[in-house]
Protein backbone atom coordinates (compact mmCIF):
# COMPACT_ATOMS: atom_id res chain seq x y z
CA MET A 1 67.13 -89.26 87.65
CA SER A 2 70.70 -89.93 88.79
CA CYS A 3 73.47 -90.73 86.31
CA ASN A 4 73.79 -94.15 87.94
CA SER A 5 70.23 -95.03 86.92
CA LYS A 6 70.17 -93.33 83.50
CA ILE A 7 73.57 -94.46 82.16
CA LYS A 8 74.38 -98.16 82.00
CA ILE A 9 77.88 -99.39 81.24
CA SER A 10 79.02 -102.90 80.29
CA ALA A 11 82.52 -104.03 81.21
CA LEU A 12 84.18 -106.19 78.55
CA ILE A 13 87.11 -108.47 79.34
CA VAL A 14 88.69 -110.56 76.59
CA ALA A 15 91.05 -113.11 78.10
CA ARG A 16 92.97 -116.33 77.63
CA ASN A 17 94.43 -118.33 80.53
CA GLU A 18 94.27 -115.48 83.04
CA GLU A 19 93.66 -117.33 86.31
CA ILE A 20 96.37 -115.24 87.99
CA ASN A 21 94.69 -111.93 87.14
CA ILE A 22 90.97 -112.54 86.68
CA ILE A 23 89.82 -112.31 90.31
CA ASP A 24 91.39 -108.89 90.95
CA CYS A 25 90.09 -107.62 87.61
CA LEU A 26 86.51 -108.72 88.28
CA GLU A 27 86.58 -107.41 91.85
CA SER A 28 87.58 -103.98 90.55
CA LEU A 29 84.35 -103.93 88.51
CA LYS A 30 81.89 -104.77 91.29
CA THR A 31 79.90 -101.52 90.80
CA ILE A 32 79.54 -101.81 87.00
CA ASP A 33 76.14 -102.63 85.47
CA GLU A 34 77.21 -105.67 83.43
CA ILE A 35 80.37 -107.75 83.00
CA VAL A 36 80.96 -109.71 79.79
CA LEU A 37 83.92 -112.12 79.83
CA LEU A 38 85.03 -113.57 76.49
CA LEU A 39 87.40 -116.52 76.90
CA ASP A 40 89.45 -117.41 73.83
CA ARG A 41 90.78 -121.01 73.88
CA SER A 42 91.31 -120.80 77.65
CA THR A 43 92.54 -124.05 79.24
CA ASP A 44 93.32 -123.03 82.83
CA ASN A 45 91.00 -122.31 85.79
CA THR A 46 89.91 -118.84 84.61
CA ILE A 47 86.31 -119.85 83.91
CA ASN A 48 85.76 -121.51 87.31
CA LEU A 49 87.13 -118.48 89.13
CA ALA A 50 84.98 -116.14 87.03
CA LYS A 51 81.81 -118.10 87.79
CA LYS A 52 82.02 -116.85 91.37
CA PHE A 53 81.24 -113.35 90.06
CA ASN A 54 78.15 -111.86 88.45
CA CYS A 55 79.36 -111.96 84.86
CA THR A 56 78.26 -113.44 81.55
CA ILE A 57 80.85 -115.80 80.12
CA TYR A 58 81.36 -116.76 76.48
CA GLU A 59 83.89 -119.35 75.29
CA GLY A 60 85.22 -119.86 71.80
CA SER A 61 88.13 -119.60 69.40
CA TRP A 62 88.87 -116.53 67.32
CA PRO A 63 91.58 -116.16 64.65
CA SER A 64 92.88 -112.77 65.76
CA GLU A 65 92.83 -110.29 68.63
CA GLY A 66 90.67 -107.87 66.68
CA ASN A 67 88.08 -110.54 65.83
CA ARG A 68 87.60 -111.60 69.41
CA ARG A 69 87.41 -108.04 70.70
CA ASN A 70 84.77 -107.10 68.12
CA GLU A 71 82.82 -110.22 69.08
CA GLY A 72 82.97 -109.17 72.72
CA ILE A 73 81.68 -105.70 71.89
CA ASN A 74 78.70 -107.27 70.10
CA LYS A 75 77.95 -109.43 73.16
CA CYS A 76 77.55 -106.43 75.48
CA SER A 77 73.93 -105.45 76.12
CA ASN A 78 74.61 -101.78 76.95
CA ASN A 79 75.60 -99.12 74.43
CA TRP A 80 78.51 -97.82 76.54
CA ILE A 81 81.39 -100.21 77.16
CA LEU A 82 84.44 -100.15 79.43
CA GLU A 83 86.98 -102.50 77.84
CA LEU A 84 89.67 -103.96 80.10
CA ASP A 85 92.32 -106.64 79.86
CA ALA A 86 92.59 -109.12 82.71
CA ASP A 87 95.75 -107.45 84.00
CA GLU A 88 94.00 -104.06 84.25
CA ARG A 89 92.01 -102.67 87.18
CA ALA A 90 89.26 -100.08 87.24
CA SER A 91 87.81 -98.41 90.35
CA GLU A 92 84.46 -97.29 91.70
CA GLN A 93 85.59 -93.67 91.25
CA LEU A 94 86.44 -94.28 87.59
CA ILE A 95 83.04 -95.85 86.89
CA LYS A 96 81.25 -92.95 88.59
CA GLU A 97 83.28 -90.43 86.59
CA ALA A 98 82.55 -92.31 83.35
CA LYS A 99 78.78 -92.14 83.92
CA SER A 100 78.96 -88.49 84.86
CA LYS A 101 80.98 -87.58 81.74
CA ILE A 102 78.62 -89.53 79.46
CA LEU A 103 75.61 -87.80 80.98
CA GLN A 104 77.12 -84.41 80.11
CA LEU A 105 77.35 -85.20 76.37
CA ASN A 106 75.07 -83.54 73.84
CA ASP A 107 74.40 -87.01 72.44
CA ILE A 108 74.82 -89.75 75.04
CA ASN A 109 74.64 -92.45 72.37
CA LYS A 110 77.98 -91.93 70.64
CA GLY A 111 81.66 -91.21 71.23
CA TYR A 112 84.67 -92.44 73.16
CA PHE A 113 86.90 -91.29 76.01
CA LEU A 114 90.60 -91.84 76.56
CA ILE A 115 91.49 -93.18 80.01
CA PRO A 116 94.99 -92.58 81.45
CA PHE A 117 97.02 -95.56 82.65
CA ASP A 118 99.36 -96.24 85.52
CA ASN A 119 101.60 -99.10 84.35
CA TYR A 120 103.33 -101.42 86.82
CA ILE A 121 106.28 -103.77 86.42
CA GLY A 122 106.00 -105.88 89.54
CA ARG A 123 105.27 -103.35 92.29
CA LYS A 124 107.10 -100.54 90.52
CA LYS A 125 104.87 -97.89 88.97
CA VAL A 126 106.43 -96.78 85.68
CA ARG A 127 104.46 -93.83 84.34
CA TYR A 128 106.76 -92.40 81.66
CA GLY A 129 108.22 -93.81 78.45
CA TRP A 130 105.44 -96.09 77.23
CA GLY A 131 104.27 -96.30 73.64
CA ALA A 132 105.56 -97.35 70.23
CA SER A 133 103.92 -100.82 70.40
CA TRP A 134 105.34 -101.53 73.85
CA GLY A 135 102.68 -100.12 76.15
CA VAL A 136 100.33 -97.19 76.49
CA SER A 137 99.91 -94.13 78.68
CA SER A 138 96.21 -93.91 77.77
CA LYS A 139 93.66 -95.90 75.75
CA PRO A 140 90.13 -95.42 74.35
CA CYS A 141 88.71 -97.92 76.84
CA LEU A 142 85.35 -96.17 77.31
CA PHE A 143 83.23 -95.99 74.18
CA SER A 144 79.81 -96.41 72.63
CA LYS A 145 79.24 -99.48 70.45
CA ASN A 146 79.31 -97.70 67.10
CA SER A 147 82.39 -95.62 67.93
CA LYS A 148 85.10 -98.29 68.12
CA VAL A 149 85.93 -101.13 65.71
CA TRP A 150 89.04 -103.31 65.90
CA GLY A 151 91.11 -104.35 62.88
CA ASN A 152 92.09 -107.95 62.04
CA GLU A 153 95.81 -107.89 62.88
CA SER A 154 97.18 -110.64 65.14
CA ILE A 155 98.95 -108.23 67.48
CA HIS A 156 98.25 -104.56 68.22
CA PRO A 157 95.24 -104.46 65.88
CA SER A 158 94.34 -101.16 64.30
CA LEU A 159 91.38 -99.13 65.56
CA LYS A 160 88.63 -97.22 63.83
CA LEU A 161 87.38 -94.55 66.24
CA ASN A 162 84.64 -91.97 65.89
CA ASN A 163 83.55 -88.92 67.90
CA LYS A 164 86.25 -88.36 70.51
CA GLN A 165 84.71 -86.84 73.64
CA GLY A 166 87.74 -86.23 75.86
CA PHE A 167 89.63 -87.76 78.78
CA LEU A 168 88.77 -89.20 82.15
CA ILE A 169 90.79 -88.14 85.18
CA ASN A 170 90.71 -91.40 87.12
CA ARG A 171 93.31 -93.92 85.98
CA ILE A 172 93.36 -97.61 85.13
CA ASP A 173 96.04 -99.61 86.94
CA HIS A 174 97.80 -101.90 84.47
CA TYR A 175 100.02 -104.69 85.80
CA VAL A 176 102.04 -105.17 82.63
CA ASP A 177 104.82 -107.54 83.69
CA ARG A 178 105.94 -109.20 86.91
CA ASN A 179 109.66 -108.70 86.23
CA ILE A 180 112.24 -108.36 83.46
CA SER A 181 111.94 -112.05 82.57
CA ASP A 182 108.23 -111.45 81.95
CA MET A 183 109.14 -108.54 79.68
CA ILE A 184 111.43 -110.79 77.63
CA GLN A 185 108.73 -113.44 77.26
CA ARG A 186 106.21 -110.79 76.19
CA LEU A 187 108.66 -109.49 73.59
CA ASP A 188 108.97 -113.00 72.16
CA ARG A 189 105.18 -113.43 71.93
CA TYR A 190 104.60 -110.00 70.43
CA THR A 191 107.33 -110.29 67.80
CA SER A 192 106.16 -113.76 66.72
CA ALA A 193 102.61 -112.48 66.16
CA LYS A 194 103.85 -109.32 64.41
CA ALA A 195 106.11 -111.36 62.11
CA LYS A 196 103.11 -113.42 61.03
CA ASP A 197 101.22 -110.23 60.18
CA LEU A 198 104.22 -108.94 58.21
CA ARG A 199 104.33 -112.09 56.10
CA THR A 200 100.64 -111.93 55.24
CA SER A 201 100.63 -108.17 54.63
CA PRO A 202 99.95 -107.05 51.04
CA ASP A 203 102.87 -104.64 51.40
CA ASN A 204 106.41 -105.91 51.02
CA ILE A 205 108.53 -106.29 54.14
CA PRO A 206 110.67 -103.12 54.27
CA PRO A 207 114.45 -103.26 53.77
CA LEU A 208 116.64 -103.87 56.80
CA TRP A 209 118.01 -100.32 56.84
CA ILE A 210 114.51 -98.85 57.12
CA THR A 211 113.72 -101.27 59.95
CA VAL A 212 116.91 -100.30 61.82
CA ARG A 213 116.02 -96.62 61.41
CA ARG A 214 112.50 -97.24 62.71
CA SER A 215 113.93 -99.19 65.63
CA LEU A 216 116.19 -96.29 66.63
CA THR A 217 113.29 -93.85 66.23
CA ARG A 218 111.17 -95.97 68.59
CA PHE A 219 113.92 -95.84 71.20
CA TYR A 220 114.20 -92.07 70.91
CA LYS A 221 110.45 -91.54 71.20
CA CYS A 222 110.11 -93.70 74.30
CA TYR A 223 113.24 -92.54 76.11
CA ILE A 224 113.31 -88.84 75.13
CA THR A 225 109.97 -87.66 73.70
CA ARG A 226 107.85 -89.67 76.16
CA LYS A 227 110.28 -88.91 79.00
CA GLY A 228 111.33 -92.47 79.78
CA TYR A 229 114.58 -91.06 81.15
CA LYS A 230 112.61 -90.00 84.23
CA GLU A 231 112.20 -93.69 85.10
CA LYS A 232 115.98 -94.30 84.95
CA GLY A 233 116.72 -97.99 84.32
CA TRP A 234 113.09 -98.93 83.79
CA GLY A 235 112.65 -96.24 81.18
CA PHE A 236 115.78 -97.39 79.38
CA LEU A 237 114.47 -100.97 79.39
CA ASN A 238 111.10 -99.94 77.97
CA ALA A 239 112.74 -97.92 75.20
CA THR A 240 115.05 -100.82 74.41
CA PHE A 241 112.19 -103.32 74.18
CA ALA A 242 110.19 -100.92 71.99
CA ALA A 243 113.16 -100.74 69.61
CA LEU A 244 113.74 -104.49 69.68
CA PHE A 245 110.08 -105.15 68.91
CA VAL A 246 110.52 -103.58 65.47
CA LEU A 247 113.85 -105.23 64.70
CA ILE A 248 113.08 -108.75 65.97
CA SER A 249 109.66 -108.78 64.28
CA TYR A 250 111.40 -107.99 60.98
CA LEU A 251 114.06 -110.70 61.48
CA LYS A 252 111.47 -113.33 62.40
CA ALA A 253 109.40 -112.41 59.35
CA LYS A 254 112.44 -112.76 57.08
CA LEU A 255 114.15 -115.77 58.63
CA GLU A 256 111.34 -117.96 60.00
CA ASN A 257 108.15 -119.37 58.54
CA ASP A 258 104.57 -119.64 59.79
CA ASP A 259 105.08 -123.16 61.14
CA GLU A 260 107.58 -121.75 63.63
CA ILE A 261 105.20 -119.07 64.93
CA PRO A 262 103.29 -120.12 68.09
CA ASN A 263 99.54 -119.53 68.24
CA ASN A 264 98.59 -116.14 69.69
């Protein structure tokens, strides 16, 4: 029995107002066994575009990113899941590799794999310098149902992972931002959501000096440790935004209130 017939994988996409990205994302998954699309409060043409593809669509409203992702995992009919955002692209080669790697496991019913990313800003591939809440170089996108649970945070929810199995070689293409203006808008959204989490956290908001230190540490990690300097100006920008994410989130949490935070 071939791995294609023995191993079944569901693709999960959790999206909101992604009419610009959804067609390319769904087309990249044409060889997957099942596609589950969870639309959270979507008001644009995403659903009509998605109906042209062989996917199961669920609509609703969820209070946090983690809640809607966990709901999507529960909606998938297969045990193994490939989780993508609408601005991410898989490939036929990646899906074949995923099935092959799963088939080689001692227990094909549990575990997760990290998948490396190629991140793009516009048409520019920026491989180095991601991380520290501002992007990833790899993610646990391939997993069995009982091996990945999302936390309840509004932005960058925590993860509970079990039974790491390794890495895939094939990469996911991630079209993060169209340009620098897009990066600025994303920073505003992310910091507003993070500030809301900070206010509702049982821990006190840390002092300003600790936040400034953490901000500088984030810059160092992205630009030096994660080799953002190799990307020249783009690496410097990523490190700067990673640092600003910490500082602006803190200032919004201290100086604004929940009524001023837009819905995520």
